[in-house]
Every structure is written in structure tokens, then in C-alpha cells.
Amino acid sequence: MEKDNNDYAYATLDQLMAVDRRVSLLEQRLTRIEGILEQMDKRIDDMNRSLNKRIDDINRRLGSLEAKIDSDFKWVLGFWLSTISLIISTMIPVALKILGVI
């Protein structure tokens, strides 16, 4: 039995087979896209973990730096106050001498 091009049954069957091939190709492409998306998701998760580790490290370092700055500030403040008190204690006798109290 030969295939008649004017026969609608054969034309419909050919169209269905063409649609089936196209759907099969789309399913293959969709499977590849899903695989790619899964890989991207894993990479993004890895990047997030790495970024969180770096942020935690930076926060830890900033905490120790703040403690050091606080300690250094206390030393600077101590030197500054002792210098001011030394200047004042030196100027009091000079001022009293000028005023003639001594």
C-alpha cells in the first residue's frame, strides 16, 4: 500500500510524528537546562558559603581591631592628661611669681 500525499490520515500521522520529534527535542533541551540550573544553584551556594566565611573573618578582625584601638586610646588619653597636668603644674608657680604672691 502506497502512501498517498492527499490522504489526510497520512498527513495527520506525519504531523503527529513531527510534533512528537519536536516535543522530544524540547524535553532533551529542558533536561539540559535543568542540569545547568542545578549546577548554577550549587555554585551560588558555594559562593554564599565562601562569602559568609569571609564576612565572619572580617567581623572577627574588626572586633579585635576595635579592642586594640580602645586600648590605645586609653594610653593616648593618659599621656595627654598627664602632659596637660604637667603644663598646668609648671605654670602655677610661674604665674604666682609674676603676680608677686611668691
Protein backbone atom coordinates (compact mmCIF):
# COMPACT_ATOMS: atom_id res chain seq x y z
CA MET A 1 0.00 0.00 0.00
CA GLU A 2 1.50 3.25 -1.11
CA LYS A 3 1.39 6.49 0.77
CA ASP A 4 -0.95 8.99 -0.80
CA ASN A 5 0.05 12.61 -0.19
CA ASN A 6 -3.55 13.68 -0.46
CA ASP A 7 -4.68 11.25 2.20
CA TYR A 8 -5.46 13.17 5.38
CA ALA A 9 -4.72 10.21 7.62
CA TYR A 10 -1.11 10.05 6.42
CA ALA A 11 -0.74 13.81 6.63
CA THR A 12 -2.05 13.84 10.18
CA LEU A 13 0.23 10.93 11.13
CA ASP A 14 3.24 12.76 9.65
CA GLN A 15 2.31 15.89 11.53
CA LEU A 16 1.93 13.95 14.77
CA MET A 17 5.31 12.31 14.26
CA ALA A 18 6.89 15.73 13.56
CA VAL A 19 5.28 17.14 16.69
CA ASP A 20 6.49 14.10 18.67
CA ARG A 21 10.07 14.70 17.44
CA ARG A 22 9.85 18.35 18.37
CA VAL A 23 8.48 17.57 21.81
CA SER A 24 11.26 15.01 22.30
CA LEU A 25 13.88 17.62 21.37
CA LEU A 26 12.27 20.14 23.73
CA GLU A 27 12.32 17.58 26.55
CA GLN A 28 16.03 16.94 25.93
CA ARG A 29 16.75 20.66 25.97
CA LEU A 30 14.69 21.11 29.12
CA THR A 31 16.64 18.32 30.81
CA ARG A 32 19.92 20.03 29.88
CA ILE A 33 18.64 23.37 31.15
CA GLU A 34 17.58 21.78 34.44
CA GLY A 35 21.07 20.32 34.83
CA ILE A 36 22.65 23.69 34.15
CA LEU A 37 20.34 25.37 36.67
CA GLU A 38 21.25 22.78 39.31
CA GLN A 39 24.95 23.44 38.72
CA MET A 40 24.35 27.19 38.96
CA ASP A 41 22.45 26.68 42.20
CA LYS A 42 25.35 24.67 43.64
CA ARG A 43 27.86 27.32 42.55
CA ILE A 44 25.79 30.09 44.09
CA ASP A 45 25.53 28.13 47.35
CA ASP A 46 29.31 27.65 47.35
CA MET A 47 29.81 31.36 46.74
CA ASN A 48 27.41 32.22 49.57
CA ARG A 49 29.27 29.92 51.97
CA SER A 50 32.61 31.41 50.94
CA LEU A 51 31.28 34.95 51.26
CA ASN A 52 29.81 34.20 54.70
CA LYS A 53 33.16 32.82 55.86
CA ARG A 54 34.94 35.94 54.66
CA ILE A 55 32.39 38.23 56.31
CA ASP A 56 32.75 36.32 59.59
CA ASP A 57 36.54 36.63 59.33
CA ILE A 58 36.28 40.37 58.65
CA ASN A 59 33.90 40.84 61.59
CA ARG A 60 36.28 38.94 63.87
CA ARG A 61 39.22 41.07 62.73
CA LEU A 62 37.26 44.29 63.16
CA GLY A 63 36.34 43.23 66.69
CA SER A 64 39.97 42.69 67.63
CA LEU A 65 40.92 45.96 65.93
CA GLU A 66 38.27 47.84 67.93
CA ALA A 67 39.61 46.36 71.16
CA LYS A 68 43.14 47.42 70.23
CA ILE A 69 42.01 50.94 69.31
CA ASP A 70 40.16 51.23 72.63
CA SER A 71 43.30 50.14 74.48
CA ASP A 72 45.49 52.55 72.52
CA PHE A 73 43.01 55.37 73.09
CA LYS A 74 43.29 54.86 76.85
CA TRP A 75 47.07 55.18 76.61
CA VAL A 76 46.87 58.32 74.46
CA LEU A 77 44.30 59.87 76.78
CA GLY A 78 46.52 59.07 79.77
CA PHE A 79 49.57 60.69 78.16
CA TRP A 80 47.51 63.71 77.11
CA LEU A 81 46.07 64.23 80.61
CA SER A 82 49.47 63.83 82.27
CA THR A 83 51.01 66.34 79.82
CA ILE A 84 48.25 68.89 80.48
CA SER A 85 48.62 68.42 84.24
CA LEU A 86 52.42 68.83 83.93
CA ILE A 87 52.00 72.08 81.98
CA ILE A 88 49.49 73.43 84.49
CA SER A 89 51.62 72.43 87.48
CA THR A 90 54.58 74.18 85.84
CA MET A 91 52.62 77.33 85.03
CA ILE A 92 51.11 77.80 88.51
CA PRO A 93 54.43 78.70 90.22
CA VAL A 94 55.39 80.93 87.28
CA ALA A 95 52.03 82.74 87.47
CA LEU A 96 52.36 83.12 91.24
CA LYS A 97 55.89 84.55 90.81
CA ILE A 98 54.67 87.05 88.21
CA LEU A 99 51.78 88.11 90.44
CA GLY A 100 54.17 88.55 93.33
CA VAL A 101 52.49 86.04 95.59
CA ILE A 102 55.72 84.12 95.99
